[in-house]
N, C-alpha and C. Protein backbone atom coordinates (compact mmCIF):
# COMPACT_ATOMS: atom_id res chain seq x y z
N MET A 1 0.83 -1.08 0.05
CA MET A 1 0.03 -0.07 -0.04
C MET A 1 0.85 1.20 -0.06
N ARG A 2 0.69 2.11 -1.06
CA ARG A 2 1.49 3.36 -1.09
C ARG A 2 0.88 4.31 -0.10
N ILE A 3 1.89 5.13 0.49
CA ILE A 3 1.49 6.17 1.46
C ILE A 3 0.54 7.04 0.96
N ALA A 4 0.83 7.55 -0.28
CA ALA A 4 -0.07 8.51 -1.06
C ALA A 4 -1.38 8.05 -1.14
N GLY A 5 -1.59 6.68 -1.35
CA GLY A 5 -2.78 6.02 -1.41
C GLY A 5 -3.56 6.13 -0.04
N LEU A 6 -3.00 5.90 1.07
CA LEU A 6 -3.61 5.91 2.21
C LEU A 6 -4.23 7.33 2.52
N ILE A 7 -3.60 8.36 2.29
CA ILE A 7 -4.23 9.66 2.56
C ILE A 7 -5.27 9.92 1.55
N ALA A 8 -4.98 9.64 0.34
CA ALA A 8 -5.97 10.01 -0.82
C ALA A 8 -7.31 9.22 -0.60
N VAL A 9 -7.49 8.08 -0.20
CA VAL A 9 -8.64 7.23 -0.08
C VAL A 9 -9.58 8.00 0.85
N THR A 10 -9.20 8.79 1.81
CA THR A 10 -10.30 9.35 2.75
C THR A 10 -10.84 10.42 2.22
N ALA A 11 -12.18 10.50 2.42
CA ALA A 11 -13.07 11.56 1.96
C ALA A 11 -12.93 12.78 3.02
N LEU A 12 -12.06 12.56 4.05
CA LEU A 12 -11.76 13.72 4.93
C LEU A 12 -10.75 14.67 4.42
N VAL A 13 -10.16 14.39 3.50
CA VAL A 13 -8.99 15.11 3.05
C VAL A 13 -9.18 16.65 3.10
N ALA A 14 -10.08 17.03 2.29
CA ALA A 14 -10.42 18.54 2.05
C ALA A 14 -10.84 19.16 3.37
N ALA A 15 -11.76 18.48 4.10
CA ALA A 15 -12.47 19.11 5.29
C ALA A 15 -11.54 19.17 6.49
N CYS A 16 -10.71 18.01 6.58
CA CYS A 16 -9.87 17.85 7.79
C CYS A 16 -8.52 18.61 7.59
N SER A 17 -8.17 19.10 6.44
CA SER A 17 -6.98 19.98 6.28
C SER A 17 -6.97 21.20 7.15
N GLN A 18 -8.05 21.45 7.78
CA GLN A 18 -8.12 22.52 8.92
C GLN A 18 -7.49 21.86 10.26
N SER A 19 -6.24 21.73 10.35
CA SER A 19 -5.52 21.03 11.39
C SER A 19 -5.69 21.84 12.70
N VAL A 20 -5.69 20.92 13.80
CA VAL A 20 -5.74 21.48 15.09
C VAL A 20 -4.52 22.37 15.38
N GLY A 21 -4.76 23.53 15.84
CA GLY A 21 -3.60 24.28 16.19
C GLY A 21 -2.91 25.07 14.92
N GLY A 22 -3.73 24.89 13.74
CA GLY A 22 -3.14 25.60 12.63
C GLY A 22 -4.38 26.15 11.82
N GLU A 23 -3.99 26.79 10.66
CA GLU A 23 -5.05 27.18 9.71
C GLU A 23 -4.77 26.61 8.39
N ALA A 24 -5.75 26.31 7.64
CA ALA A 24 -5.55 25.77 6.32
C ALA A 24 -5.68 26.96 5.31
N GLU A 25 -4.82 26.99 4.16
CA GLU A 25 -5.01 27.92 3.41
C GLU A 25 -4.75 27.43 1.99
N THR A 26 -5.33 27.93 0.87
CA THR A 26 -5.12 27.32 -0.42
C THR A 26 -3.85 28.00 -0.87
N SER A 27 -2.95 26.91 -1.41
CA SER A 27 -1.78 27.34 -2.09
C SER A 27 -1.77 27.06 -3.50
N GLY A 28 -1.22 28.12 -4.18
CA GLY A 28 -1.26 27.82 -5.80
C GLY A 28 -0.38 26.68 -6.04
N SER A 29 0.71 26.57 -5.30
CA SER A 29 1.62 25.51 -5.56
C SER A 29 2.39 25.01 -4.38
N SER A 30 2.36 23.76 -4.04
CA SER A 30 3.03 23.26 -2.88
C SER A 30 4.30 22.60 -3.27
N PRO A 31 5.21 22.49 -2.32
CA PRO A 31 6.42 21.81 -2.59
C PRO A 31 6.25 20.38 -3.05
N ALA A 32 7.24 20.11 -3.97
CA ALA A 32 6.97 18.76 -4.48
C ALA A 32 6.91 17.68 -3.51
N THR A 33 6.12 16.70 -3.48
CA THR A 33 5.90 15.72 -2.48
C THR A 33 6.62 14.46 -2.92
N PRO A 34 7.81 14.01 -2.26
CA PRO A 34 8.36 12.82 -2.66
C PRO A 34 7.35 11.65 -2.71
N PRO A 35 7.63 10.75 -3.75
CA PRO A 35 6.77 9.57 -3.77
C PRO A 35 6.77 8.66 -2.45
N GLY A 36 5.58 8.52 -2.53
CA GLY A 36 5.43 7.64 -1.48
C GLY A 36 5.77 6.39 -1.95
N SER A 37 7.39 -3.37 9.52
CA SER A 37 7.62 -4.55 9.08
C SER A 37 7.66 -5.15 10.51
N THR A 38 6.99 -5.54 9.84
CA THR A 38 7.34 -5.21 11.15
C THR A 38 8.43 -6.32 11.52
N SER A 39 9.43 -6.21 10.76
CA SER A 39 10.77 -6.80 11.01
C SER A 39 11.50 -5.94 11.98
N THR A 40 12.38 -6.45 12.79
CA THR A 40 12.94 -5.59 13.89
C THR A 40 14.35 -5.49 13.54
N THR A 41 14.62 -5.93 12.25
CA THR A 41 16.08 -5.68 11.74
C THR A 41 15.92 -5.16 10.49
N ASN A 42 17.07 -4.40 10.07
CA ASN A 42 17.03 -3.72 8.74
C ASN A 42 17.85 -4.46 7.75
N GLU A 43 17.44 -4.26 6.55
CA GLU A 43 18.25 -5.10 5.48
C GLU A 43 19.50 -4.46 5.24
N ALA A 44 19.73 -3.11 5.46
CA ALA A 44 21.01 -2.56 5.05
C ALA A 44 21.85 -2.88 6.37
N SER A 45 23.16 -2.84 6.11
CA SER A 45 24.04 -3.13 7.11
C SER A 45 25.14 -1.99 7.31
N PRO A 46 24.70 -1.00 7.79
CA PRO A 46 25.68 0.05 7.95
C PRO A 46 26.69 -0.15 9.22
N GLY A 47 27.71 0.55 9.31
CA GLY A 47 28.65 0.27 10.30
C GLY A 47 28.31 1.10 11.63
N THR A 48 29.29 1.36 12.51
CA THR A 48 29.17 1.91 13.67
C THR A 48 30.09 3.19 13.63
N GLY A 49 29.83 4.02 14.69
CA GLY A 49 30.73 5.18 14.92
C GLY A 49 29.86 6.51 14.25
N THR A 50 30.52 7.63 14.40
CA THR A 50 29.98 9.02 14.05
C THR A 50 30.40 9.42 12.77
N THR A 51 31.18 8.71 11.99
CA THR A 51 31.70 9.29 10.68
C THR A 51 31.43 8.34 9.63
N GLY A 52 31.14 8.83 8.41
CA GLY A 52 30.83 7.87 7.32
C GLY A 52 29.57 7.17 7.41
N GLN A 53 29.57 5.90 7.72
CA GLN A 53 28.29 5.14 7.86
C GLN A 53 27.61 5.40 9.06
N PRO A 54 26.26 5.30 8.98
CA PRO A 54 25.30 5.45 10.14
C PRO A 54 25.68 4.34 11.06
N PRO A 55 25.13 4.53 12.33
CA PRO A 55 25.18 3.34 13.24
C PRO A 55 24.64 2.12 13.01
N GLY A 56 25.17 1.02 13.45
CA GLY A 56 24.52 -0.28 13.04
C GLY A 56 23.60 -0.70 14.18
N GLU A 57 23.00 -1.93 14.05
CA GLU A 57 22.03 -2.25 14.94
C GLU A 57 22.46 -2.59 16.35
N SER A 58 23.75 -2.73 16.54
CA SER A 58 24.27 -3.09 17.97
C SER A 58 25.02 -1.77 18.51
N ALA A 59 24.88 -0.56 17.93
CA ALA A 59 25.47 0.62 18.28
C ALA A 59 25.03 1.00 19.65
N SER A 60 25.90 1.63 20.49
CA SER A 60 25.43 2.20 21.70
C SER A 60 24.60 3.43 21.56
N ILE A 61 23.91 3.78 22.45
CA ILE A 61 23.06 4.98 22.32
C ILE A 61 24.01 6.25 22.37
N GLU A 62 25.23 6.16 22.89
CA GLU A 62 26.19 7.32 22.77
C GLU A 62 26.46 7.47 21.30
N ASP A 63 26.84 6.29 20.63
CA ASP A 63 27.21 6.40 19.14
C ASP A 63 26.10 6.92 18.31
N VAL A 64 24.86 6.52 18.48
CA VAL A 64 23.76 6.89 17.93
C VAL A 64 23.48 8.39 17.94
N ILE A 65 23.51 8.93 19.19
CA ILE A 65 23.23 10.35 19.51
C ILE A 65 24.35 11.14 18.72
N ALA A 66 25.69 10.71 18.89
CA ALA A 66 26.64 11.51 18.32
C ALA A 66 26.49 11.55 16.79
N TRP A 67 26.03 10.46 16.19
CA TRP A 67 26.04 10.47 14.75
C TRP A 67 24.84 11.38 14.28
N ILE A 68 23.65 11.19 14.98
CA ILE A 68 22.58 12.12 14.72
C ILE A 68 22.94 13.50 14.79
N GLU A 69 23.59 13.93 15.95
CA GLU A 69 24.02 15.37 16.08
C GLU A 69 25.10 15.81 15.13
N ALA A 70 25.72 14.77 14.42
CA ALA A 70 26.76 15.37 13.47
C ALA A 70 26.19 15.67 12.14
N GLY A 71 24.84 15.53 12.01
CA GLY A 71 24.06 15.90 10.76
C GLY A 71 24.15 17.46 10.69
N THR A 72 23.83 17.97 9.51
CA THR A 72 23.71 19.38 9.26
C THR A 72 22.38 19.88 9.93
N PRO A 73 22.28 20.80 10.74
CA PRO A 73 21.12 21.23 11.41
C PRO A 73 20.12 21.81 10.20
N ALA A 74 18.89 21.41 10.30
CA ALA A 74 18.00 22.08 9.49
C ALA A 74 17.19 23.07 10.17
N ASP A 75 16.56 24.05 9.56
CA ASP A 75 15.88 25.19 10.10
C ASP A 75 14.43 24.66 10.54
N ALA A 76 14.20 24.35 11.74
CA ALA A 76 12.98 23.83 12.31
C ALA A 76 11.76 24.62 11.83
N GLY A 77 12.06 26.04 11.61
CA GLY A 77 10.76 26.89 11.17
C GLY A 77 10.22 26.49 9.87
N ALA A 78 10.92 25.73 9.00
CA ALA A 78 10.56 25.36 7.70
C ALA A 78 9.67 24.14 7.79
N TYR A 79 9.43 23.52 8.94
CA TYR A 79 8.78 22.16 9.13
C TYR A 79 7.44 22.25 9.93
N HIS A 80 6.94 23.51 10.07
CA HIS A 80 5.69 23.64 10.78
C HIS A 80 4.49 23.67 9.77
N GLU A 81 4.38 23.01 8.65
CA GLU A 81 3.27 23.11 7.81
C GLU A 81 3.21 21.73 7.09
N ALA A 82 2.15 21.30 6.60
CA ALA A 82 1.95 20.20 5.74
C ALA A 82 1.17 20.42 4.53
N TYR A 83 1.21 19.68 3.47
CA TYR A 83 0.80 19.98 2.13
C TYR A 83 -0.18 18.84 1.65
N LEU A 84 -1.24 19.17 1.14
CA LEU A 84 -2.19 18.15 0.52
C LEU A 84 -3.03 18.59 -0.43
N ASP A 85 -3.06 18.24 -1.68
CA ASP A 85 -3.98 18.81 -2.82
C ASP A 85 -4.06 20.27 -2.78
N GLY A 86 -2.84 20.95 -2.76
CA GLY A 86 -2.93 22.36 -3.00
C GLY A 86 -3.15 23.08 -1.86
N VAL A 87 -3.43 22.37 -0.69
CA VAL A 87 -3.89 23.03 0.59
C VAL A 87 -2.50 22.96 1.63
N THR A 88 -2.35 24.08 2.23
CA THR A 88 -1.31 24.18 3.11
C THR A 88 -1.92 24.31 4.55
N THR A 89 -1.48 23.37 5.45
CA THR A 89 -2.07 23.48 6.73
C THR A 89 -0.93 23.74 7.80
N ARG A 90 -1.10 25.06 8.48
CA ARG A 90 -0.16 25.43 9.36
C ARG A 90 -0.25 24.52 10.65
N LEU A 91 0.85 24.15 11.15
CA LEU A 91 0.73 23.14 12.33
C LEU A 91 1.06 23.68 13.62
N GLY A 92 1.29 24.98 13.75
CA GLY A 92 1.59 25.55 15.14
C GLY A 92 2.89 25.02 15.60
N ASP A 93 3.11 24.47 16.77
CA ASP A 93 4.23 24.03 17.29
C ASP A 93 4.65 22.63 16.81
N ASP A 94 3.63 22.05 16.13
CA ASP A 94 3.97 20.66 15.55
C ASP A 94 4.71 20.71 14.37
N ILE A 95 5.38 19.57 13.85
CA ILE A 95 6.41 19.49 12.91
C ILE A 95 5.83 18.45 11.98
N ALA A 96 6.11 18.55 10.59
CA ALA A 96 5.98 17.32 9.75
C ALA A 96 7.27 17.50 8.71
N PHE A 97 7.65 16.17 8.40
CA PHE A 97 8.67 16.07 7.28
C PHE A 97 8.65 14.73 6.71
N THR A 98 9.36 14.57 5.60
CA THR A 98 9.40 13.29 4.89
C THR A 98 10.90 13.02 4.89
N ALA A 99 11.33 11.71 4.74
CA ALA A 99 12.78 11.38 4.62
C ALA A 99 12.73 10.08 3.90
N PRO A 100 13.90 9.66 3.42
CA PRO A 100 14.03 8.43 2.73
C PRO A 100 13.88 7.19 3.68
N SER A 101 13.24 6.05 3.11
CA SER A 101 13.12 4.89 3.93
C SER A 101 13.93 3.82 3.60
N GLY A 102 14.96 4.05 2.57
CA GLY A 102 15.64 2.97 2.16
C GLY A 102 15.63 2.68 0.66
N PRO A 103 14.51 2.04 0.22
CA PRO A 103 14.36 1.65 -1.18
C PRO A 103 14.33 3.15 -2.09
N PRO A 104 14.81 3.05 -3.40
CA PRO A 104 14.82 4.26 -4.21
C PRO A 104 13.23 4.71 -4.29
N ASN A 105 13.08 6.06 -4.17
CA ASN A 105 11.88 6.62 -4.49
C ASN A 105 10.70 6.44 -3.38
N GLU A 106 11.26 5.72 -2.26
CA GLU A 106 10.20 5.40 -1.16
C GLU A 106 10.61 6.29 -0.06
N THR A 107 9.55 6.83 0.70
CA THR A 107 9.83 7.80 1.73
C THR A 107 9.02 7.47 3.15
N THR A 108 9.51 8.00 4.18
CA THR A 108 8.85 7.83 5.56
C THR A 108 8.23 9.18 5.75
N GLN A 109 6.97 9.34 6.07
CA GLN A 109 6.32 10.52 6.34
C GLN A 109 6.11 10.58 8.00
N CYS A 110 6.61 11.68 8.50
CA CYS A 110 6.46 11.81 10.01
C CYS A 110 5.77 13.10 10.37
N LEU A 111 5.15 13.12 11.52
CA LEU A 111 4.64 14.36 12.11
C LEU A 111 4.37 14.15 13.60
N THR A 112 4.20 15.22 14.21
CA THR A 112 3.77 15.26 15.64
C THR A 112 2.31 15.82 15.74
N ASP A 113 1.74 15.48 16.89
CA ASP A 113 0.36 16.02 17.21
C ASP A 113 0.30 16.24 18.70
N THR A 114 0.74 17.54 19.11
CA THR A 114 0.67 17.89 20.58
C THR A 114 -0.74 17.82 21.11
N MET A 115 -1.67 18.25 20.32
CA MET A 115 -3.03 18.47 20.96
C MET A 115 -3.62 17.04 21.23
N PHE A 116 -3.53 16.13 20.41
CA PHE A 116 -4.30 14.79 20.69
C PHE A 116 -3.30 13.57 21.04
N ASN A 117 -1.91 13.82 20.73
CA ASN A 117 -1.06 12.57 20.94
C ASN A 117 0.19 13.09 21.82
N ASP A 118 0.17 14.04 22.63
CA ASP A 118 1.37 14.41 23.40
C ASP A 118 2.55 14.74 22.80
N GLY A 119 2.50 15.03 21.53
CA GLY A 119 3.65 15.27 20.87
C GLY A 119 4.48 14.10 20.33
N THR A 120 3.80 12.90 20.42
CA THR A 120 4.46 11.74 19.80
C THR A 120 4.85 11.88 18.51
N LEU A 121 5.96 11.27 18.09
CA LEU A 121 6.30 11.41 16.66
C LEU A 121 5.73 10.18 16.08
N SER A 122 4.81 10.30 15.05
CA SER A 122 4.30 9.28 14.36
C SER A 122 4.68 9.25 12.80
N CYS A 123 5.07 8.18 12.49
CA CYS A 123 5.71 7.95 11.10
C CYS A 123 4.93 6.95 10.20
N LEU A 124 4.99 7.12 9.03
CA LEU A 124 4.19 6.15 8.21
C LEU A 124 4.93 5.89 6.95
N LEU A 125 5.18 4.59 6.79
CA LEU A 125 5.98 4.09 5.57
C LEU A 125 5.62 2.82 5.08
N GLU A 126 5.97 2.35 3.83
CA GLU A 126 5.75 1.01 3.49
C GLU A 126 6.81 -0.03 3.79
N LEU A 127 6.63 -0.87 4.50
CA LEU A 127 7.59 -1.93 5.05
C LEU A 127 7.75 -3.02 3.93
N THR A 128 8.98 -3.57 3.76
CA THR A 128 9.18 -4.67 2.99
C THR A 128 8.58 -5.94 3.40
N SER A 129 8.45 -6.15 4.81
CA SER A 129 7.99 -7.36 5.32
C SER A 129 7.12 -6.96 6.53
N PRO A 130 5.96 -6.52 6.13
CA PRO A 130 5.07 -6.03 7.30
C PRO A 130 4.45 -7.18 8.04
N ALA A 131 4.18 -6.86 9.29
CA ALA A 131 3.51 -7.79 10.17
C ALA A 131 2.12 -8.17 9.92
N PRO A 132 1.64 -9.32 10.02
CA PRO A 132 0.24 -9.51 9.69
C PRO A 132 -0.58 -9.00 10.81
N ARG A 133 -1.92 -8.75 10.50
CA ARG A 133 -2.77 -8.23 11.36
C ARG A 133 -3.11 -9.08 12.62
N PRO A 134 -2.92 -8.30 13.86
CA PRO A 134 -3.03 -9.17 14.91
C PRO A 134 -4.49 -9.94 15.07
N ALA A 135 -4.34 -11.08 15.61
CA ALA A 135 -5.60 -11.90 15.79
C ALA A 135 -6.54 -11.29 16.67
N GLY A 136 -7.69 -11.35 16.13
CA GLY A 136 -8.79 -10.62 16.84
C GLY A 136 -8.87 -9.07 16.95
N ALA A 137 -8.01 -8.49 16.18
CA ALA A 137 -8.01 -7.04 16.17
C ALA A 137 -9.12 -6.44 15.37
N GLU A 138 -9.70 -5.30 15.78
CA GLU A 138 -10.72 -4.66 15.08
C GLU A 138 -10.27 -3.24 14.55
N GLY A 139 -10.64 -2.95 13.33
CA GLY A 139 -10.19 -1.71 12.80
C GLY A 139 -9.21 -1.94 11.59
N VAL A 140 -8.92 -0.79 11.00
CA VAL A 140 -8.01 -0.99 9.73
C VAL A 140 -6.56 -1.09 10.29
N TRP A 141 -5.93 -2.11 9.75
CA TRP A 141 -4.45 -2.49 10.26
C TRP A 141 -3.44 -1.77 9.25
N LYS A 142 -2.67 -1.02 9.92
CA LYS A 142 -1.56 -0.25 9.25
C LYS A 142 -0.31 -0.72 9.73
N PRO A 143 0.24 -1.66 8.92
CA PRO A 143 1.62 -2.23 9.51
C PRO A 143 2.75 -1.22 9.58
N GLY A 144 2.63 -0.33 8.64
CA GLY A 144 3.88 0.58 8.52
C GLY A 144 3.48 2.02 9.43
N TRP A 145 2.75 1.88 10.38
CA TRP A 145 2.41 3.10 11.23
C TRP A 145 3.33 2.87 12.51
N VAL A 146 4.26 3.91 12.64
CA VAL A 146 5.22 3.80 13.74
C VAL A 146 5.05 4.96 14.72
N ASP A 147 4.89 4.79 15.93
CA ASP A 147 4.74 5.78 17.07
C ASP A 147 5.88 5.63 17.99
N PHE A 148 6.61 6.87 18.08
CA PHE A 148 7.80 6.88 18.92
C PHE A 148 7.48 7.80 20.22
N PHE A 149 7.31 7.22 21.34
CA PHE A 149 6.85 7.88 22.48
C PHE A 149 8.08 8.34 23.25
N GLY A 150 9.25 7.84 23.18
CA GLY A 150 10.45 7.95 23.88
C GLY A 150 10.70 6.90 24.86
N THR A 151 9.66 6.47 25.65
CA THR A 151 9.82 5.33 26.45
C THR A 151 9.35 4.02 25.83
N THR A 152 8.62 4.23 24.63
CA THR A 152 8.11 3.12 23.80
C THR A 152 8.18 3.31 22.39
N VAL A 153 8.17 2.27 21.61
CA VAL A 153 8.11 2.42 20.10
C VAL A 153 6.93 1.44 19.76
N GLN A 154 6.07 1.71 19.05
CA GLN A 154 5.03 0.73 18.61
C GLN A 154 5.11 0.69 17.04
N VAL A 155 5.16 -0.46 16.49
CA VAL A 155 5.20 -0.70 14.90
C VAL A 155 4.06 -1.43 14.66
N GLY A 156 3.28 -0.63 13.74
CA GLY A 156 1.89 -1.25 13.36
C GLY A 156 0.85 -0.93 14.38
N SER A 157 -0.32 -0.42 13.86
CA SER A 157 -1.48 -0.12 14.65
C SER A 157 -2.66 -0.22 14.06
N LEU A 158 -3.85 -0.12 14.65
CA LEU A 158 -5.15 -0.19 14.08
C LEU A 158 -5.89 1.24 14.12
N HIS A 159 -6.40 1.68 12.99
CA HIS A 159 -6.92 2.88 12.95
C HIS A 159 -8.31 2.93 11.98
N GLY A 160 -9.08 3.74 12.35
CA GLY A 160 -10.50 3.89 11.74
C GLY A 160 -10.39 5.10 10.70
N ASP A 161 -9.35 5.98 10.69
CA ASP A 161 -9.06 6.94 9.98
C ASP A 161 -7.67 7.39 9.72
N PRO A 162 -7.28 8.35 8.81
CA PRO A 162 -5.98 8.64 8.67
C PRO A 162 -5.24 9.30 9.89
N GLY A 163 -6.01 9.74 10.89
CA GLY A 163 -5.61 10.38 11.99
C GLY A 163 -4.85 11.76 11.68
N PRO A 164 -3.62 11.84 12.39
CA PRO A 164 -2.94 13.20 11.91
C PRO A 164 -2.37 13.25 10.54
N PHE A 165 -2.26 12.09 9.80
CA PHE A 165 -1.78 12.10 8.48
C PHE A 165 -2.74 12.76 7.47
N VAL A 166 -3.83 13.09 7.93
CA VAL A 166 -4.95 13.74 7.07
C VAL A 166 -4.52 15.02 6.73
N LYS A 167 -3.50 15.49 7.50
CA LYS A 167 -3.14 17.02 7.30
C LYS A 167 -2.28 17.13 6.02
N GLY A 168 -1.65 15.86 5.63
CA GLY A 168 -0.75 15.78 4.33
C GLY A 168 0.68 15.52 4.65
N VAL A 169 1.59 15.93 3.97
CA VAL A 169 2.98 15.65 4.18
C VAL A 169 3.80 16.99 4.42
N GLY A 170 4.99 16.76 5.15
CA GLY A 170 5.74 17.92 5.33
C GLY A 170 6.91 17.85 4.37
N PRO A 171 7.63 19.00 4.40
CA PRO A 171 8.81 19.18 3.56
C PRO A 171 9.76 18.09 3.62
N GLN A 172 10.61 18.00 2.68
CA GLN A 172 11.70 16.94 2.75
C GLN A 172 12.78 17.26 3.65
N LEU A 173 13.24 16.39 4.53
CA LEU A 173 14.43 16.47 5.29
C LEU A 173 15.51 15.65 4.55
N ALA A 174 16.40 16.49 3.93
CA ALA A 174 17.35 15.79 3.04
C ALA A 174 18.36 15.10 3.73
N GLU A 175 18.96 14.10 2.95
CA GLU A 175 19.83 13.19 3.53
C GLU A 175 20.95 13.91 4.27
N GLY A 176 21.51 13.58 5.49
CA GLY A 176 22.44 14.23 6.06
C GLY A 176 22.15 15.39 6.87
N GLN A 177 20.80 15.83 6.84
CA GLN A 177 20.34 16.87 7.76
C GLN A 177 19.65 16.28 8.96
N SER A 178 19.71 17.13 10.12
CA SER A 178 19.07 16.72 11.29
C SER A 178 18.07 17.81 11.56
N LEU A 179 17.04 17.33 12.30
CA LEU A 179 15.96 18.32 12.71
C LEU A 179 15.64 18.06 14.15
N ALA A 180 15.63 19.10 14.90
CA ALA A 180 15.47 19.11 16.51
C ALA A 180 14.12 19.65 16.77
N PHE A 181 13.21 18.88 17.53
CA PHE A 181 11.90 19.33 17.82
C PHE A 181 11.65 18.74 19.33
N GLY A 182 11.12 19.51 20.29
CA GLY A 182 10.81 18.98 21.57
C GLY A 182 12.02 18.29 22.12
N ASP A 183 11.72 17.02 22.67
CA ASP A 183 12.91 16.35 23.31
C ASP A 183 13.60 15.44 22.22
N ASN A 184 13.21 15.60 20.94
CA ASN A 184 13.70 14.71 19.97
C ASN A 184 14.71 15.57 18.93
N ARG A 185 15.58 14.64 18.19
CA ARG A 185 16.18 15.07 17.12
C ARG A 185 16.37 13.85 16.06
N CYS A 186 16.01 14.14 14.84
CA CYS A 186 16.21 13.10 13.89
C CYS A 186 17.13 13.41 12.75
N ARG A 187 17.81 12.53 12.26
CA ARG A 187 18.75 12.74 11.14
C ARG A 187 18.32 11.76 9.97
N SER A 188 18.10 12.41 8.82
CA SER A 188 17.70 11.63 7.60
C SER A 188 19.07 10.95 6.88
N ASP A 189 18.93 9.81 6.34
CA ASP A 189 20.04 9.07 5.74
C ASP A 189 19.39 8.27 4.70
N ALA A 190 20.26 7.92 3.58
CA ALA A 190 19.81 6.97 2.59
C ALA A 190 19.22 5.73 3.10
N THR A 191 19.80 5.21 4.23
CA THR A 191 19.30 4.01 4.91
C THR A 191 17.97 4.05 5.67
N GLY A 192 17.61 5.23 5.87
CA GLY A 192 16.33 5.45 6.71
C GLY A 192 16.59 6.59 7.59
N LEU A 193 15.60 6.70 8.58
CA LEU A 193 15.49 7.81 9.51
C LEU A 193 15.99 7.43 10.87
N PHE A 194 16.78 8.24 11.44
CA PHE A 194 17.36 7.90 12.81
C PHE A 194 16.90 8.98 13.79
N CYS A 195 16.17 8.64 14.78
CA CYS A 195 15.60 9.58 15.84
C CYS A 195 16.04 9.37 17.20
N VAL A 196 16.30 10.44 18.05
CA VAL A 196 16.64 10.22 19.43
C VAL A 196 15.67 10.98 20.34
N ASN A 197 15.35 10.49 21.46
CA ASN A 197 14.57 11.22 22.46
C ASN A 197 15.59 11.43 23.60
N TYR A 198 15.91 12.69 23.65
CA TYR A 198 16.89 13.03 24.83
C TYR A 198 16.34 12.69 26.21
N ALA A 199 15.17 12.96 26.45
CA ALA A 199 14.55 12.79 27.85
C ALA A 199 14.75 11.52 28.36
N HIS A 200 14.71 10.35 27.31
CA HIS A 200 14.78 9.00 27.84
C HIS A 200 16.16 8.27 27.29
N ARG A 201 16.87 9.02 26.58
CA ARG A 201 18.14 8.47 26.02
C ARG A 201 17.73 7.13 25.18
N SER A 202 16.68 7.16 24.40
CA SER A 202 16.28 6.14 23.54
C SER A 202 16.34 6.58 22.08
N ALA A 203 16.41 5.74 21.13
CA ALA A 203 16.51 6.17 19.76
C ALA A 203 15.90 4.86 18.88
N VAL A 204 15.58 5.25 17.58
CA VAL A 204 15.18 4.34 16.74
C VAL A 204 15.70 4.58 15.31
N TRP A 205 15.87 3.61 14.58
CA TRP A 205 16.17 3.51 13.11
C TRP A 205 14.90 3.09 12.40
N ILE A 206 14.23 3.90 11.67
CA ILE A 206 13.16 3.54 10.94
C ILE A 206 13.35 3.39 9.50
N SER A 207 13.23 2.31 8.93
CA SER A 207 13.39 2.15 7.50
C SER A 207 12.49 1.06 6.87
N ALA A 208 12.42 0.97 5.53
CA ALA A 208 11.40 -0.14 4.99
C ALA A 208 11.86 -1.56 5.63
N GLY A 209 13.11 -1.70 5.91
CA GLY A 209 13.51 -3.05 6.48
C GLY A 209 13.12 -3.32 7.70
N GLY A 210 12.46 -2.47 8.57
CA GLY A 210 12.01 -2.62 9.87
C GLY A 210 12.38 -1.39 10.82
N VAL A 211 12.26 -1.60 12.14
CA VAL A 211 12.50 -0.67 13.01
C VAL A 211 13.42 -1.29 14.13
N VAL A 212 14.62 -0.46 14.21
CA VAL A 212 15.68 -1.03 15.20
C VAL A 212 15.72 -0.09 16.46
N PRO A 213 15.63 -0.63 17.64
CA PRO A 213 15.73 0.32 18.84
C PRO A 213 17.04 0.40 19.44
N PHE A 214 17.25 1.47 20.09
CA PHE A 214 18.54 1.67 20.78
C PHE A 214 18.41 2.25 22.16
N GLY A 215 19.36 2.18 22.97
CA GLY A 215 19.30 2.66 24.24
C GLY A 215 18.36 1.74 25.21
N CYS A 216 17.64 2.30 26.06
CA CYS A 216 16.71 1.47 26.97
C CYS A 216 15.75 0.61 26.39
N LEU A 217 15.39 0.75 25.09
CA LEU A 217 14.33 0.07 24.46
C LEU A 217 14.50 -1.46 24.22
N GLN A 218 13.50 -2.10 24.79
CA GLN A 218 13.71 -3.51 24.63
C GLN A 218 12.39 -4.19 24.03
N SER A 219 12.66 -5.27 23.34
CA SER A 219 11.38 -5.80 22.66
C SER A 219 10.43 -6.41 23.86
N VAL A 220 9.17 -6.13 23.43
CA VAL A 220 8.01 -6.66 24.28
C VAL A 220 7.37 -7.84 23.56
N SER A 221 7.29 -8.96 24.31
CA SER A 221 6.79 -10.04 23.70
C SER A 221 5.78 -10.82 24.57
N PRO A 222 4.50 -11.26 24.05
CA PRO A 222 4.04 -10.73 22.70
C PRO A 222 3.64 -9.25 22.66
N PRO A 223 3.76 -8.52 21.55
CA PRO A 223 3.36 -7.17 21.51
C PRO A 223 1.78 -7.12 21.49
N PRO A 224 1.28 -6.06 22.26
CA PRO A 224 -0.14 -6.03 22.58
C PRO A 224 -0.76 -5.30 21.30
N GLN A 225 -1.53 -6.09 20.51
CA GLN A 225 -2.35 -5.64 19.32
C GLN A 225 -1.40 -4.70 18.38
N THR A 226 -0.20 -5.13 18.28
CA THR A 226 0.68 -4.42 17.35
C THR A 226 1.45 -5.35 16.60
N GLY A 227 2.36 -4.94 15.63
CA GLY A 227 3.21 -5.90 14.93
C GLY A 227 4.51 -6.04 15.71
N ALA A 228 4.92 -4.94 16.44
CA ALA A 228 6.15 -5.00 17.25
C ALA A 228 6.00 -3.92 18.20
N MET A 229 6.81 -4.20 19.28
CA MET A 229 6.75 -3.00 20.38
C MET A 229 7.92 -3.29 21.22
N PHE A 230 8.58 -1.97 21.58
CA PHE A 230 9.76 -1.89 22.32
C PHE A 230 9.53 -0.91 23.49
N SER A 231 10.05 -1.33 24.64
CA SER A 231 9.65 -0.37 25.76
C SER A 231 10.91 -0.18 26.67
N CYS A 232 11.09 0.97 27.43
CA CYS A 232 12.10 1.02 28.33
C CYS A 232 11.83 0.46 29.69
């Protein structure tokens, strides 16, 4: 399922572009939108350390933080709006951005929602090996929906609507750039998106190959009505 398809299918797109904490305005042209597992490991095999290759799956939280911070800082002010069908939605203090997810021309879409979701970073992407729908679960299963709370990471969830993604997509966070917001900082890379939560010294690597946790995050088994879950 393509990410663009998820947003386009909802009839709420035009009406819900009036985001909470922001105003929607018609824009003659919006920035180009990049084309749109629960596997717990990534297919790519980067090395460790802060130079050259991004951190690998066994990297320490110190190495992950150092590598993320070594990215070129992006202007956070450029990421407080989302775009959909010619409509620009102002996000207030929230942020929205897109980043590579690994495969060519595939992206991860991320945003925060401080009004309804305590500022949790939610990301949506297409996973190469998505987890099956949990047994007995009700609702629409979104295997590539990732919520990073700082103390927990949830991969895959059930939704009856597009949630915050109805606002559209944010500007591109180019490879090598880092974006700071709230307690978090994310760095974009060709192999995926790396994000750290400073308050809890936890971090994640999000890519089409799966989600890799760092720091205090440990796998929860069995995951409750999700594809995978990690918790401090």
